[in-house]
Amino acid sequence: MTARTQSEFPFAAPHGRPVVADFSGPATTSDGGALLPRQTATKLNPLPCLAACIPDHRDPR
C-alpha cells in the first residue's frame, strides 16, 4: 500500500481570488489561537462587567 500525502488543498475561488490551505509549514501547537483571548482577559478583566449585565433569577439558597 502506498501512502499518499498532499500539502496544498485548493478551494473554490470566491470573487476570482484563489484560496489555498497550505500544511507544509513546521509543526505548531493547537493552543496558539487561545493566546489573544487569554491576554485580553488578563489585562481588561471583562468577565465581571459582562456578568453584571446578565440578570440571574436563580435562588442563591
PDB file of N, CA and C in Angstrom:
ATOM      1  N   MET A   1       0.840  -1.178   0.000  1.00  0.00           N
ATOM      2  CA  MET A   1       0.000   0.000   0.000  1.00  0.00           C
ATOM      3  C   MET A   1       0.889   1.247   0.000  1.00  0.00           C
ATOM      4  N   THR A   2       0.623   2.173  -0.858  1.00  0.00           N
ATOM      5  CA  THR A   2       1.392   3.401  -0.962  1.00  0.00           C
ATOM      6  C   THR A   2       0.658   4.533  -0.249  1.00  0.00           C
ATOM      7  N   ALA A   3       1.375   5.221   0.652  1.00  0.00           N
ATOM      8  CA  ALA A   3       0.778   6.358   1.354  1.00  0.00           C
ATOM      9  C   ALA A   3       0.841   7.581   0.449  1.00  0.00           C
ATOM     10  N   ARG A   4      -0.281   8.266   0.329  1.00  0.00           N
ATOM     11  CA  ARG A   4      -0.332   9.475  -0.491  1.00  0.00           C
ATOM     12  C   ARG A   4      -0.560  10.667   0.422  1.00  0.00           C
ATOM     13  N   THR A   5       0.218  11.693   0.252  1.00  0.00           N
ATOM     14  CA  THR A   5       0.046  12.917   1.035  1.00  0.00           C
ATOM     15  C   THR A   5      -0.083  14.097   0.093  1.00  0.00           C
ATOM     16  N   GLN A   6      -0.739  15.104   0.563  1.00  0.00           N
ATOM     17  CA  GLN A   6      -0.950  16.320  -0.219  1.00  0.00           C
ATOM     18  C   GLN A   6      -0.703  17.488   0.715  1.00  0.00           C
ATOM     19  N   SER A   7       0.157  18.434   0.326  1.00  0.00           N
ATOM     20  CA  SER A   7       0.485  19.545   1.212  1.00  0.00           C
ATOM     21  C   SER A   7      -0.345  20.797   0.939  1.00  0.00           C
ATOM     22  N   GLU A   8      -1.007  20.882  -0.204  1.00  0.00           N
ATOM     23  CA  GLU A   8      -1.853  22.033  -0.516  1.00  0.00           C
ATOM     24  C   GLU A   8      -3.240  21.554  -0.913  1.00  0.00           C
ATOM     25  N   PHE A   9      -4.262  22.323  -0.498  1.00  0.00           N
ATOM     26  CA  PHE A   9      -5.644  21.993  -0.817  1.00  0.00           C
ATOM     27  C   PHE A   9      -6.316  23.221  -1.413  1.00  0.00           C
ATOM     28  N   PRO A  10      -6.565  23.240  -2.714  1.00  0.00           N
ATOM     29  CA  PRO A  10      -7.237  24.392  -3.316  1.00  0.00           C
ATOM     30  C   PRO A  10      -8.751  24.340  -3.053  1.00  0.00           C
ATOM     31  N   PHE A  11      -9.345  25.495  -2.878  1.00  0.00           N
ATOM     32  CA  PHE A  11     -10.780  25.626  -2.671  1.00  0.00           C
ATOM     33  C   PHE A  11     -11.375  26.461  -3.802  1.00  0.00           C
ATOM     34  N   ALA A  12     -12.682  26.527  -3.857  1.00  0.00           N
ATOM     35  CA  ALA A  12     -13.348  27.366  -4.863  1.00  0.00           C
ATOM     36  C   ALA A  12     -12.903  28.818  -4.666  1.00  0.00           C
ATOM     37  N   ALA A  13     -12.720  29.520  -5.759  1.00  0.00           N
ATOM     38  CA  ALA A  13     -12.221  30.891  -5.703  1.00  0.00           C
ATOM     39  C   ALA A  13     -13.374  31.891  -5.633  1.00  0.00           C
ATOM     40  N   PRO A  14     -13.659  32.434  -4.433  1.00  0.00           N
ATOM     41  CA  PRO A  14     -14.714  33.449  -4.346  1.00  0.00           C
ATOM     42  C   PRO A  14     -14.223  34.775  -4.931  1.00  0.00           C
ATOM     43  N   HIS A  15     -15.014  35.393  -5.732  1.00  0.00           N
ATOM     44  CA  HIS A  15     -14.707  36.696  -6.331  1.00  0.00           C
ATOM     45  C   HIS A  15     -13.399  36.678  -7.113  1.00  0.00           C
ATOM     46  N   GLY A  16     -13.046  35.517  -7.674  1.00  0.00           N
ATOM     47  CA  GLY A  16     -11.869  35.441  -8.516  1.00  0.00           C
ATOM     48  C   GLY A  16     -10.545  35.375  -7.776  1.00  0.00           C
ATOM     49  N   ARG A  17     -10.558  35.304  -6.450  1.00  0.00           N
ATOM     50  CA  ARG A  17      -9.316  35.237  -5.690  1.00  0.00           C
ATOM     51  C   ARG A  17      -9.084  33.806  -5.244  1.00  0.00           C
ATOM     52  N   PRO A  18      -7.907  33.243  -5.505  1.00  0.00           N
ATOM     53  CA  PRO A  18      -7.661  31.848  -5.117  1.00  0.00           C
ATOM     54  C   PRO A  18      -7.547  31.685  -3.600  1.00  0.00           C
ATOM     55  N   VAL A  19      -8.054  30.563  -3.088  1.00  0.00           N
ATOM     56  CA  VAL A  19      -7.960  30.213  -1.683  1.00  0.00           C
ATOM     57  C   VAL A  19      -7.259  28.864  -1.604  1.00  0.00           C
ATOM     58  N   VAL A  20      -6.117  28.825  -0.900  1.00  0.00           N
ATOM     59  CA  VAL A  20      -5.336  27.600  -0.800  1.00  0.00           C
ATOM     60  C   VAL A  20      -4.942  27.386   0.656  1.00  0.00           C
ATOM     61  N   ALA A  21      -5.198  26.194   1.192  1.00  0.00           N
ATOM     62  CA  ALA A  21      -4.728  25.818   2.524  1.00  0.00           C
ATOM     63  C   ALA A  21      -3.408  25.092   2.346  1.00  0.00           C
ATOM     64  N   ASP A  22      -2.364  25.575   2.996  1.00  0.00           N
ATOM     65  CA  ASP A  22      -1.028  25.002   2.858  1.00  0.00           C
ATOM     66  C   ASP A  22      -0.581  24.454   4.210  1.00  0.00           C
ATOM     67  N   PHE A  23      -0.319  23.145   4.265  1.00  0.00           N
ATOM     68  CA  PHE A  23       0.066  22.490   5.506  1.00  0.00           C
ATOM     69  C   PHE A  23       1.533  22.070   5.500  1.00  0.00           C
ATOM     70  N   SER A  24       2.360  22.727   4.716  1.00  0.00           N
ATOM     71  CA  SER A  24       3.758  22.333   4.606  1.00  0.00           C
ATOM     72  C   SER A  24       4.661  23.038   5.609  1.00  0.00           C
ATOM     73  N   GLY A  25       4.100  23.850   6.506  1.00  0.00           N
ATOM     74  CA  GLY A  25       4.895  24.566   7.497  1.00  0.00           C
ATOM     75  C   GLY A  25       5.391  23.667   8.605  1.00  0.00           C
ATOM     76  N   PRO A  26       6.164  24.236   9.544  1.00  0.00           N
ATOM     77  CA  PRO A  26       6.680  23.440  10.656  1.00  0.00           C
ATOM     78  C   PRO A  26       5.562  23.040  11.621  1.00  0.00           C
ATOM     79  N   ALA A  27       5.877  22.119  12.502  1.00  0.00           N
ATOM     80  CA  ALA A  27       4.898  21.665  13.484  1.00  0.00           C
ATOM     81  C   ALA A  27       4.493  22.837  14.403  1.00  0.00           C
ATOM     82  N   THR A  28       3.217  22.958  14.671  1.00  0.00           N
ATOM     83  CA  THR A  28       2.711  24.018  15.540  1.00  0.00           C
ATOM     84  C   THR A  28       1.793  23.405  16.585  1.00  0.00           C
ATOM     85  N   THR A  29       1.477  24.189  17.602  1.00  0.00           N
ATOM     86  CA  THR A  29       0.568  23.700  18.631  1.00  0.00           C
ATOM     87  C   THR A  29      -0.843  24.153  18.320  1.00  0.00           C
ATOM     88  N   SER A  30      -1.803  23.470  18.893  1.00  0.00           N
ATOM     89  CA  SER A  30      -3.197  23.821  18.649  1.00  0.00           C
ATOM     90  C   SER A  30      -3.699  24.897  19.591  1.00  0.00           C
ATOM     91  N   ASP A  31      -2.920  25.301  20.591  1.00  0.00           N
ATOM     92  CA  ASP A  31      -3.387  26.303  21.552  1.00  0.00           C
ATOM     93  C   ASP A  31      -2.949  27.722  21.191  1.00  0.00           C
ATOM     94  N   GLY A  32      -2.343  27.927  20.044  1.00  0.00           N
ATOM     95  CA  GLY A  32      -1.880  29.247  19.645  1.00  0.00           C
ATOM     96  C   GLY A  32      -3.001  30.262  19.509  1.00  0.00           C
ATOM     97  N   GLY A  33      -4.196  29.835  19.134  1.00  0.00           N
ATOM     98  CA  GLY A  33      -5.319  30.747  18.984  1.00  0.00           C
ATOM     99  C   GLY A  33      -5.883  31.221  20.301  1.00  0.00           C
ATOM    100  N   ALA A  34      -5.511  30.605  21.403  1.00  0.00           N
ATOM    101  CA  ALA A  34      -6.035  30.994  22.717  1.00  0.00           C
ATOM    102  C   ALA A  34      -5.204  32.098  23.359  1.00  0.00           C
ATOM    103  N   LEU A  35      -4.091  32.467  22.781  1.00  0.00           N
ATOM    104  CA  LEU A  35      -3.230  33.466  23.398  1.00  0.00           C
ATOM    105  C   LEU A  35      -3.862  34.848  23.442  1.00  0.00           C
ATOM    106  N   LEU A  36      -4.465  35.298  22.366  1.00  0.00           N
ATOM    107  CA  LEU A  36      -5.076  36.632  22.342  1.00  0.00           C
ATOM    108  C   LEU A  36      -6.240  36.751  23.321  1.00  0.00           C
ATOM    109  N   PRO A  37      -7.202  35.828  23.332  1.00  0.00           N
ATOM    110  CA  PRO A  37      -8.272  35.947  24.333  1.00  0.00           C
ATOM    111  C   PRO A  37      -7.753  35.884  25.772  1.00  0.00           C
ATOM    112  N   ARG A  38      -6.740  35.068  26.013  1.00  0.00           N
ATOM    113  CA  ARG A  38      -6.194  34.974  27.372  1.00  0.00           C
ATOM    114  C   ARG A  38      -5.548  36.287  27.785  1.00  0.00           C
ATOM    115  N   GLN A  39      -4.752  36.890  26.910  1.00  0.00           N
ATOM    116  CA  GLN A  39      -4.115  38.160  27.229  1.00  0.00           C
ATOM    117  C   GLN A  39      -5.149  39.265  27.417  1.00  0.00           C
ATOM    118  N   THR A  40      -6.191  39.265  26.595  1.00  0.00           N
ATOM    119  CA  THR A  40      -7.254  40.257  26.724  1.00  0.00           C
ATOM    120  C   THR A  40      -7.959  40.107  28.063  1.00  0.00           C
ATOM    121  N   ALA A  41      -8.286  38.892  28.435  1.00  0.00           N
ATOM    122  CA  ALA A  41      -8.956  38.651  29.706  1.00  0.00           C
ATOM    123  C   ALA A  41      -8.065  39.021  30.879  1.00  0.00           C
ATOM    124  N   THR A  42      -6.773  38.788  30.760  1.00  0.00           N
ATOM    125  CA  THR A  42      -5.839  39.111  31.837  1.00  0.00           C
ATOM    126  C   THR A  42      -5.729  40.616  32.028  1.00  0.00           C
ATOM    127  N   LYS A  43      -5.630  41.358  30.946  1.00  0.00           N
ATOM    128  CA  LYS A  43      -5.414  42.807  31.054  1.00  0.00           C
ATOM    129  C   LYS A  43      -6.698  43.596  31.303  1.00  0.00           C
ATOM    130  N   LEU A  44      -7.794  43.231  30.638  1.00  0.00           N
ATOM    131  CA  LEU A  44      -9.025  44.019  30.728  1.00  0.00           C
ATOM    132  C   LEU A  44     -10.015  43.480  31.759  1.00  0.00           C
ATOM    133  N   ASN A  45      -9.936  42.186  32.078  1.00  0.00           N
ATOM    134  CA  ASN A  45     -10.839  41.530  33.020  1.00  0.00           C
ATOM    135  C   ASN A  45     -12.309  41.857  32.719  1.00  0.00           C
ATOM    136  N   PRO A  46     -12.802  41.520  31.519  1.00  0.00           N
ATOM    137  CA  PRO A  46     -14.150  41.914  31.120  1.00  0.00           C
ATOM    138  C   PRO A  46     -15.262  41.038  31.703  1.00  0.00           C
ATOM    139  N   LEU A  47     -14.949  39.874  32.262  1.00  0.00           N
ATOM    140  CA  LEU A  47     -15.998  38.952  32.686  1.00  0.00           C
ATOM    141  C   LEU A  47     -16.859  39.454  33.844  1.00  0.00           C
ATOM    142  N   PRO A  48     -16.327  40.086  34.884  1.00  0.00           N
ATOM    143  CA  PRO A  48     -17.209  40.605  35.938  1.00  0.00           C
ATOM    144  C   PRO A  48     -18.199  41.656  35.420  1.00  0.00           C
ATOM    145  N   CYS A  49     -17.759  42.513  34.524  1.00  0.00           N
ATOM    146  CA  CYS A  49     -18.638  43.533  33.952  1.00  0.00           C
ATOM    147  C   CYS A  49     -19.703  42.879  33.077  1.00  0.00           C
ATOM    148  N   LEU A  50     -19.311  41.899  32.301  1.00  0.00           N
ATOM    149  CA  LEU A  50     -20.261  41.184  31.458  1.00  0.00           C
ATOM    150  C   LEU A  50     -21.274  40.431  32.311  1.00  0.00           C
ATOM    151  N   ALA A  51     -20.817  39.786  33.374  1.00  0.00           N
ATOM    152  CA  ALA A  51     -21.708  39.045  34.259  1.00  0.00           C
ATOM    153  C   ALA A  51     -22.716  39.967  34.936  1.00  0.00           C
ATOM    154  N   ALA A  52     -22.324  41.188  35.246  1.00  0.00           N
ATOM    155  CA  ALA A  52     -23.232  42.146  35.882  1.00  0.00           C
ATOM    156  C   ALA A  52     -24.351  42.568  34.930  1.00  0.00           C
ATOM    157  N   CYS A  53     -24.151  42.436  33.637  1.00  0.00           N
ATOM    158  CA  CYS A  53     -25.162  42.818  32.646  1.00  0.00           C
ATOM    159  C   CYS A  53     -26.213  41.735  32.428  1.00  0.00           C
ATOM    160  N   ILE A  54     -25.965  40.526  32.909  1.00  0.00           N
ATOM    161  CA  ILE A  54     -26.868  39.409  32.676  1.00  0.00           C
ATOM    162  C   ILE A  54     -27.624  39.100  33.963  1.00  0.00           C
ATOM    163  N   PRO A  55     -28.951  39.274  33.977  1.00  0.00           N
ATOM    164  CA  PRO A  55     -29.697  39.004  35.200  1.00  0.00           C
ATOM    165  C   PRO A  55     -29.708  37.506  35.529  1.00  0.00           C
ATOM    166  N   ASP A  56     -29.588  37.214  36.805  1.00  0.00           N
ATOM    167  CA  ASP A  56     -29.604  35.824  37.282  1.00  0.00           C
ATOM    168  C   ASP A  56     -30.765  35.672  38.243  1.00  0.00           C
ATOM    169  N   HIS A  57     -31.814  34.983  37.809  1.00  0.00           N
ATOM    170  CA  HIS A  57     -33.034  34.852  38.605  1.00  0.00           C
ATOM    171  C   HIS A  57     -33.045  33.584  39.446  1.00  0.00           C
ATOM    172  N   ARG A  58     -31.913  32.899  39.558  1.00  0.00           N
ATOM    173  CA  ARG A  58     -31.875  31.691  40.367  1.00  0.00           C
ATOM    174  C   ARG A  58     -31.885  32.040  41.844  1.00  0.00           C
ATOM    175  N   ASP A  59     -32.404  31.142  42.656  1.00  0.00           N
ATOM    176  CA  ASP A  59     -32.435  31.314  44.108  1.00  0.00           C
ATOM    177  C   ASP A  59     -31.045  30.944  44.657  1.00  0.00           C
ATOM    178  N   PRO A  60     -30.341  31.883  45.332  1.00  0.00           N
ATOM    179  CA  PRO A  60     -28.984  31.596  45.794  1.00  0.00           C
ATOM    180  C   PRO A  60     -28.925  30.608  46.965  1.00  0.00           C
ATOM    181  N   ARG A  61     -30.079  30.260  47.567  1.00  0.00           N
ATOM    182  CA  ARG A  61     -30.052  29.329  48.706  1.00  0.00           C
ATOM    183  C   ARG A  61     -29.893  27.933  48.267  1.00  0.00           C
TER     184      ARG A  61
END
